[in-house]
Amino acid sequence: AITSKSDCREIAESVNVQRLANNPRQITQDQLVEILMSLR
């Protein structure tokens, strides 16, 4: 389970940015952390 901000940041850092490159709405690492935190 995602239990802390550091867990979220770890997940965010492990995301392959190249996979998001074709997305017109670029997601920054901080935005990704916020999304993950909201899913907790």
N, C-alpha and C. Protein backbone atom coordinates (compact mmCIF):
# COMPACT_ATOMS: atom_id res chain seq x y z
N ALA A 1 0.84 -1.20 0.00
CA ALA A 1 0.00 0.00 0.00
C ALA A 1 0.88 1.25 0.00
N ILE A 2 0.32 2.29 -0.54
CA ILE A 2 1.02 3.57 -0.53
C ILE A 2 0.71 4.22 0.82
N THR A 3 1.74 4.38 1.63
CA THR A 3 1.48 4.85 2.99
C THR A 3 2.12 6.20 3.32
N SER A 4 3.00 6.67 2.46
CA SER A 4 3.65 7.93 2.78
C SER A 4 4.02 8.70 1.53
N LYS A 5 4.35 9.96 1.74
CA LYS A 5 4.76 10.82 0.64
C LYS A 5 6.01 10.25 -0.03
N SER A 6 6.91 9.67 0.75
CA SER A 6 8.14 9.12 0.17
C SER A 6 7.83 7.92 -0.72
N ASP A 7 6.83 7.12 -0.34
CA ASP A 7 6.41 6.01 -1.20
C ASP A 7 5.91 6.56 -2.53
N CYS A 8 5.12 7.61 -2.46
CA CYS A 8 4.58 8.21 -3.68
C CYS A 8 5.70 8.74 -4.56
N ARG A 9 6.68 9.39 -3.95
CA ARG A 9 7.78 9.94 -4.73
C ARG A 9 8.60 8.83 -5.37
N GLU A 10 8.77 7.74 -4.65
CA GLU A 10 9.50 6.60 -5.19
C GLU A 10 8.79 6.06 -6.43
N ILE A 11 7.47 5.93 -6.33
CA ILE A 11 6.69 5.46 -7.47
C ILE A 11 6.79 6.45 -8.62
N ALA A 12 6.67 7.73 -8.31
CA ALA A 12 6.75 8.75 -9.35
C ALA A 12 8.08 8.70 -10.07
N GLU A 13 9.16 8.49 -9.33
CA GLU A 13 10.48 8.43 -9.93
C GLU A 13 10.65 7.20 -10.80
N SER A 14 9.90 6.14 -10.50
CA SER A 14 10.06 4.90 -11.24
C SER A 14 9.22 4.87 -12.52
N VAL A 15 8.31 5.83 -12.65
CA VAL A 15 7.47 5.88 -13.85
C VAL A 15 8.33 6.23 -15.06
N ASN A 16 8.10 5.51 -16.15
CA ASN A 16 8.85 5.76 -17.38
C ASN A 16 8.30 7.01 -18.05
N VAL A 17 9.08 8.09 -18.00
CA VAL A 17 8.63 9.38 -18.55
C VAL A 17 8.37 9.27 -20.05
N GLN A 18 9.11 8.41 -20.73
CA GLN A 18 8.93 8.26 -22.17
C GLN A 18 7.50 7.84 -22.51
N ARG A 19 6.90 7.06 -21.64
CA ARG A 19 5.53 6.60 -21.89
C ARG A 19 4.54 7.74 -21.84
N LEU A 20 4.90 8.80 -21.13
CA LEU A 20 4.01 9.95 -21.01
C LEU A 20 4.30 11.01 -22.07
N ALA A 21 5.37 10.80 -22.84
CA ALA A 21 5.83 11.81 -23.79
C ALA A 21 4.79 12.13 -24.85
N ASN A 22 3.99 11.14 -25.23
CA ASN A 22 2.98 11.36 -26.27
C ASN A 22 1.69 11.96 -25.73
N ASN A 23 1.62 12.08 -24.42
CA ASN A 23 0.44 12.65 -23.79
C ASN A 23 0.49 14.17 -23.93
N PRO A 24 -0.52 14.77 -24.56
CA PRO A 24 -0.52 16.23 -24.73
C PRO A 24 -0.53 16.96 -23.39
N ARG A 25 -1.07 16.29 -22.37
CA ARG A 25 -1.03 16.89 -21.03
C ARG A 25 0.11 16.26 -20.26
N GLN A 26 1.26 16.87 -20.35
CA GLN A 26 2.45 16.35 -19.67
C GLN A 26 2.22 16.34 -18.16
N ILE A 27 2.61 15.25 -17.54
CA ILE A 27 2.47 15.13 -16.09
C ILE A 27 3.85 15.26 -15.46
N THR A 28 3.99 16.22 -14.56
CA THR A 28 5.26 16.38 -13.87
C THR A 28 5.30 15.41 -12.70
N GLN A 29 6.48 15.20 -12.17
CA GLN A 29 6.63 14.27 -11.05
C GLN A 29 5.79 14.73 -9.86
N ASP A 30 5.78 16.05 -9.61
CA ASP A 30 5.02 16.56 -8.48
C ASP A 30 3.52 16.33 -8.66
N GLN A 31 3.04 16.51 -9.91
CA GLN A 31 1.63 16.25 -10.18
C GLN A 31 1.31 14.78 -9.95
N LEU A 32 2.23 13.92 -10.35
CA LEU A 32 2.03 12.48 -10.17
C LEU A 32 1.97 12.13 -8.69
N VAL A 33 2.83 12.74 -7.90
CA VAL A 33 2.80 12.51 -6.46
C VAL A 33 1.44 12.93 -5.90
N GLU A 34 0.93 14.08 -6.35
CA GLU A 34 -0.37 14.55 -5.87
C GLU A 34 -1.47 13.56 -6.23
N ILE A 35 -1.43 13.04 -7.47
CA ILE A 35 -2.42 12.06 -7.91
C ILE A 35 -2.36 10.82 -7.04
N LEU A 36 -1.15 10.33 -6.80
CA LEU A 36 -1.00 9.12 -5.99
C LEU A 36 -1.48 9.36 -4.56
N MET A 37 -1.20 10.54 -4.02
CA MET A 37 -1.63 10.86 -2.66
C MET A 37 -3.16 10.88 -2.60
N SER A 38 -3.80 11.37 -3.66
CA SER A 38 -5.26 11.46 -3.64
C SER A 38 -5.92 10.09 -3.74
N LEU A 39 -5.16 9.09 -4.22
CA LEU A 39 -5.71 7.75 -4.37
C LEU A 39 -5.61 6.93 -3.08
N ARG A 40 -4.85 7.43 -2.13
CA ARG A 40 -4.64 6.68 -0.89
C ARG A 40 -5.93 6.37 -0.16
